[in-house]
Every structure is written in C-alpha cells, then in structure tokens.
Amino acid sequence: MTEEQKQRVAVFRFGIIHDFIGSIRLSHGEQEKFLREKCARKWEIPCSNQSRISRSTILRWVRLYLNGGGNLEVLYPQGRNDSGHEQANNAPKPSPYKMQ
C-alpha cells in the first residue's frame, strides 16, 4: 500500500472517530448512539472491500488515536503479521462416518 493510500485510510478513520475525540464531551448515551449509527451504516472504505465497521474497530481506532497523542499516522493501516504465511483452511472436513 502506498503512502498516499495509507493517508487516505487514516483520514477516513479519523472521520469516523472525530465525534468521540473532539473537544465536546459526549454523554455515555450519546456515544452509544453514535456507535450504533456508525456500525449500522454502509461505508465506502478506501482500499477495502468491506462496507461495515464493527463497534470494536471504532473503539480501537479511538484508543489508538488518543494513546498516539493525536497523531494521524497511528490510524494508518498496519501490515499483516502473517504476511507470506499460508492461511489456515477452514473448509469443512469430510466426516469419517459414511451416511447411509
């Protein structure tokens, strides 16, 4: 992924979390409402085939941004740890018992 693509993804992620990190303090109820709305919506996520964002992902982005001192680069996508390794095959395995 190019630097420009990473930056586009980070800006998108910031756009998702800005309601939670701004100077206006939201009540717990308001935060939950924003989370539900953001999770229910379909998104055009840069450099991704996904269109939904989970609650845990949004909260992780908030934590990353706050713990990273407000640095946008902490929202850059990270490379996979298993890059270059074969992925497990989760296809159903045939039963050793014959059905009659």
C-alpha atoms as a PDB file:
ATOM      1  CA  MET A   1       0.000   0.000   0.000  1.00  0.00           C
ATOM      2  CA  THR A   2       1.368   3.389  -0.966  1.00  0.00           C
ATOM      3  CA  GLU A   3       1.852   6.252   1.472  1.00  0.00           C
ATOM      4  CA  GLU A   4      -0.996   8.145  -0.212  1.00  0.00           C
ATOM      5  CA  GLN A   5      -3.350   5.172   0.216  1.00  0.00           C
ATOM      6  CA  LYS A   6      -2.381   4.823   3.878  1.00  0.00           C
ATOM      7  CA  GLN A   7      -3.058   8.501   4.399  1.00  0.00           C
ATOM      8  CA  ARG A   8      -6.490   8.224   2.723  1.00  0.00           C
ATOM      9  CA  VAL A   9      -7.385   5.314   5.022  1.00  0.00           C
ATOM     10  CA  ALA A  10      -6.187   7.230   8.100  1.00  0.00           C
ATOM     11  CA  VAL A  11      -8.199  10.323   7.146  1.00  0.00           C
ATOM     12  CA  PHE A  12     -11.276   8.125   6.615  1.00  0.00           C
ATOM     13  CA  ARG A  13     -10.775   6.515  10.039  1.00  0.00           C
ATOM     14  CA  PHE A  14     -10.372   9.918  11.656  1.00  0.00           C
ATOM     15  CA  GLY A  15     -13.639  10.988  10.037  1.00  0.00           C
ATOM     16  CA  ILE A  16     -15.347   8.034  11.697  1.00  0.00           C
ATOM     17  CA  ILE A  17     -13.956   8.702  15.187  1.00  0.00           C
ATOM     18  CA  HIS A  18     -13.932  12.511  15.287  1.00  0.00           C
ATOM     19  CA  ASP A  19     -17.235  12.592  17.233  1.00  0.00           C
ATOM     20  CA  PHE A  20     -15.585  10.661  20.073  1.00  0.00           C
ATOM     21  CA  ILE A  21     -12.348  12.617  20.351  1.00  0.00           C
ATOM     22  CA  GLY A  22     -13.453  16.207  19.824  1.00  0.00           C
ATOM     23  CA  SER A  23     -13.491  18.918  22.439  1.00  0.00           C
ATOM     24  CA  ILE A  24     -17.217  18.436  23.051  1.00  0.00           C
ATOM     25  CA  ARG A  25     -17.772  15.840  25.764  1.00  0.00           C
ATOM     26  CA  LEU A  26     -20.482  13.367  24.841  1.00  0.00           C
ATOM     27  CA  SER A  27     -22.582  11.592  27.422  1.00  0.00           C
ATOM     28  CA  HIS A  28     -22.407   7.806  27.522  1.00  0.00           C
ATOM     29  CA  GLY A  29     -25.823   7.676  25.834  1.00  0.00           C
ATOM     30  CA  GLU A  30     -24.691   9.982  23.026  1.00  0.00           C
ATOM     31  CA  GLN A  31     -21.546   7.908  22.499  1.00  0.00           C
ATOM     32  CA  GLU A  32     -23.597   4.723  22.284  1.00  0.00           C
ATOM     33  CA  LYS A  33     -25.992   6.355  19.812  1.00  0.00           C
ATOM     34  CA  PHE A  34     -23.109   7.437  17.558  1.00  0.00           C
ATOM     35  CA  LEU A  35     -21.558   3.955  17.775  1.00  0.00           C
ATOM     36  CA  ARG A  36     -24.816   2.236  16.814  1.00  0.00           C
ATOM     37  CA  GLU A  37     -25.362   4.625  13.893  1.00  0.00           C
ATOM     38  CA  LYS A  38     -21.824   4.219  12.591  1.00  0.00           C
ATOM     39  CA  CYS A  39     -21.940   0.425  12.885  1.00  0.00           C
ATOM     40  CA  ALA A  40     -25.319   0.198  11.131  1.00  0.00           C
ATOM     41  CA  ARG A  41     -24.265   2.321   8.169  1.00  0.00           C
ATOM     42  CA  LYS A  42     -22.653   1.077   4.959  1.00  0.00           C
ATOM     43  CA  TRP A  43     -19.390   2.848   4.152  1.00  0.00           C
ATOM     44  CA  GLU A  44     -17.143   3.191   1.135  1.00  0.00           C
ATOM     45  CA  ILE A  45     -13.914   2.344   2.895  1.00  0.00           C
ATOM     46  CA  PRO A  46     -10.765   3.342   0.978  1.00  0.00           C
ATOM     47  CA  CYS A  47      -8.614   0.432  -0.214  1.00  0.00           C
ATOM     48  CA  SER A  48     -11.039  -2.149   1.172  1.00  0.00           C
ATOM     49  CA  ASN A  49     -13.785  -4.468   0.008  1.00  0.00           C
ATOM     50  CA  GLN A  50     -15.549  -4.099   3.352  1.00  0.00           C
ATOM     51  CA  SER A  51     -18.547  -1.826   3.795  1.00  0.00           C
ATOM     52  CA  ARG A  52     -19.255  -2.189   7.526  1.00  0.00           C
ATOM     53  CA  ILE A  53     -17.262  -1.181  10.583  1.00  0.00           C
ATOM     54  CA  SER A  54     -17.628  -3.009  13.872  1.00  0.00           C
ATOM     55  CA  ARG A  55     -18.019  -1.404  17.278  1.00  0.00           C
ATOM     56  CA  SER A  56     -14.735  -2.889  18.479  1.00  0.00           C
ATOM     57  CA  THR A  57     -12.898  -1.496  15.439  1.00  0.00           C
ATOM     58  CA  ILE A  58     -14.214   2.027  16.033  1.00  0.00           C
ATOM     59  CA  LEU A  59     -13.280   1.865  19.717  1.00  0.00           C
ATOM     60  CA  ARG A  60      -9.812   0.525  18.814  1.00  0.00           C
ATOM     61  CA  TRP A  61      -9.285   3.469  16.435  1.00  0.00           C
ATOM     62  CA  VAL A  62     -10.316   5.886  19.214  1.00  0.00           C
ATOM     63  CA  ARG A  63      -7.843   4.272  21.650  1.00  0.00           C
ATOM     64  CA  LEU A  64      -5.053   4.277  19.063  1.00  0.00           C
ATOM     65  CA  TYR A  65      -5.589   7.942  18.275  1.00  0.00           C
ATOM     66  CA  LEU A  66      -5.780   9.062  21.908  1.00  0.00           C
ATOM     67  CA  ASN A  67      -2.832   6.916  23.015  1.00  0.00           C
ATOM     68  CA  GLY A  68      -0.860   8.105  19.974  1.00  0.00           C
ATOM     69  CA  GLY A  69      -1.069  11.718  21.095  1.00  0.00           C
ATOM     70  CA  GLY A  70      -3.458  12.772  18.351  1.00  0.00           C
ATOM     71  CA  ASN A  71      -1.068  11.706  15.596  1.00  0.00           C
ATOM     72  CA  LEU A  72      -2.930  10.756  12.415  1.00  0.00           C
ATOM     73  CA  GLU A  73      -0.237   8.238  11.467  1.00  0.00           C
ATOM     74  CA  VAL A  74      -1.372   5.877  14.255  1.00  0.00           C
ATOM     75  CA  LEU A  75      -4.526   5.357  12.160  1.00  0.00           C
ATOM     76  CA  TYR A  76      -2.530   4.147   9.156  1.00  0.00           C
ATOM     77  CA  PRO A  77      -3.344   0.525   8.286  1.00  0.00           C
ATOM     78  CA  GLN A  78      -0.783  -1.927   9.571  1.00  0.00           C
ATOM     79  CA  GLY A  79       0.625  -4.774   7.525  1.00  0.00           C
ATOM     80  CA  ARG A  80      -0.466  -8.249   8.463  1.00  0.00           C
ATOM     81  CA  ASN A  81       1.721 -10.186  10.892  1.00  0.00           C
ATOM     82  CA  ASP A  82       1.176 -13.382   8.915  1.00  0.00           C
ATOM     83  CA  SER A  83       2.149 -11.906   5.566  1.00  0.00           C
ATOM     84  CA  GLY A  84       3.810 -14.555   3.414  1.00  0.00           C
ATOM     85  CA  HIS A  85       2.465 -17.433   5.522  1.00  0.00           C
ATOM     86  CA  GLU A  86      -0.159 -19.857   4.379  1.00  0.00           C
ATOM     87  CA  GLN A  87      -3.567 -19.233   5.917  1.00  0.00           C
ATOM     88  CA  ALA A  88      -5.421 -21.994   7.699  1.00  0.00           C
ATOM     89  CA  ASN A  89      -8.021 -23.770   5.624  1.00  0.00           C
ATOM     90  CA  ASN A  90     -11.312 -23.505   7.472  1.00  0.00           C
ATOM     91  CA  ALA A  91     -13.274 -25.543   4.940  1.00  0.00           C
ATOM     92  CA  PRO A  92     -15.448 -28.237   6.478  1.00  0.00           C
ATOM     93  CA  LYS A  93     -13.708 -31.564   6.668  1.00  0.00           C
ATOM     94  CA  PRO A  94     -15.465 -34.682   5.421  1.00  0.00           C
ATOM     95  CA  SER A  95     -16.879 -36.898   8.116  1.00  0.00           C
ATOM     96  CA  PRO A  96     -15.074 -40.214   8.643  1.00  0.00           C
ATOM     97  CA  TYR A  97     -18.505 -41.797   9.071  1.00  0.00           C
ATOM     98  CA  LYS A  98     -20.495 -42.699   5.985  1.00  0.00           C
ATOM     99  CA  MET A  99     -24.107 -41.607   5.855  1.00  0.00           C
ATOM    100  CA  GLN A 100     -26.453 -44.302   4.621  1.00  0.00           C
END
